[in-house]
Protein backbone atom coordinates (compact mmCIF):
# COMPACT_ATOMS: atom_id res chain seq x y z
CA MET A 1 -103.16 22.71 125.90
CA SER A 2 -105.54 19.70 126.01
CA THR A 3 -108.88 19.77 127.71
CA ILE A 4 -110.55 17.23 129.95
CA SER A 5 -114.22 16.39 130.66
CA ILE A 6 -114.91 15.12 134.00
CA LYS A 7 -118.66 13.48 134.08
CA GLY A 8 -120.10 10.90 135.57
CA LYS A 9 -119.46 8.81 138.79
CA GLY A 10 -116.49 7.18 140.12
CA SER A 11 -112.85 7.65 139.94
CA LYS A 12 -111.15 9.36 136.67
CA GLN A 13 -107.80 8.77 135.54
CA ILE A 14 -105.89 11.76 134.09
CA ALA A 15 -102.65 11.93 132.23
CA LEU A 16 -100.37 14.35 133.23
CA ARG A 17 -96.79 15.24 131.60
CA VAL A 18 -94.29 17.28 133.54
CA GLU A 19 -90.71 18.47 133.01
CA PRO A 20 -87.83 16.75 134.74
CA PRO A 21 -87.32 19.58 137.26
CA LEU A 22 -90.98 19.64 138.16
CA GLU A 23 -90.81 15.85 138.59
CA GLU A 24 -88.11 16.40 140.96
CA GLY A 25 -89.53 19.01 142.84
CA ILE A 26 -92.76 16.89 143.24
CA LYS A 27 -90.65 13.78 144.42
CA LYS A 28 -88.94 16.24 147.10
CA ALA A 29 -92.34 17.47 148.24
CA ILE A 30 -93.87 13.86 148.54
CA GLU A 31 -90.65 12.76 150.90
CA GLN A 32 -91.25 15.97 153.00
CA ASP A 33 -94.93 15.67 153.53
CA GLY A 34 -95.09 11.88 153.65
CA ASP A 35 -97.27 10.99 150.89
CA ALA A 36 -97.37 7.33 149.65
CA SER A 37 -97.44 8.29 145.89
CA VAL A 38 -97.43 11.07 143.48
CA SER A 39 -101.30 10.71 142.81
CA ALA A 40 -101.82 10.76 146.67
CA TRP A 41 -99.84 14.18 146.82
CA ILE A 42 -101.61 15.59 144.01
CA LYS A 43 -104.92 14.99 144.95
CA ARG A 44 -104.12 16.33 148.57
CA VAL A 45 -102.53 19.40 147.07
CA ILE A 46 -105.72 19.70 144.73
CA ARG A 47 -108.20 19.34 147.79
CA LYS A 48 -106.11 21.86 149.57
CA GLU A 49 -106.41 24.55 146.58
CA LEU A 50 -110.30 23.63 146.29
CA GLN A 51 -110.67 24.27 149.85
CA SER A 52 -108.78 27.74 149.88
CA ARG A 53 -111.21 28.74 147.02
CA GLY A 54 -114.29 27.55 149.22
CA ILE A 55 -115.11 24.60 146.59
CA GLU A 56 -116.06 21.31 148.82
CA SER A 57 -114.77 18.23 147.51
CA LYS A 58 -116.48 15.00 148.48
CA GLY A 59 -113.70 12.70 148.68
């Protein structure tokens, strides 16, 4: 497992590898949810998870 360090201001790029079955699930979820891209979907899912934990995301 790799680790990442998120420091400084501005947008960060994170490389992510997924297995084909997970990729297919993501594609289906994007279609169902109406997101424009994989990155938009992932950001929305992460924001929702942070919100459920009471962590404020500014962006």
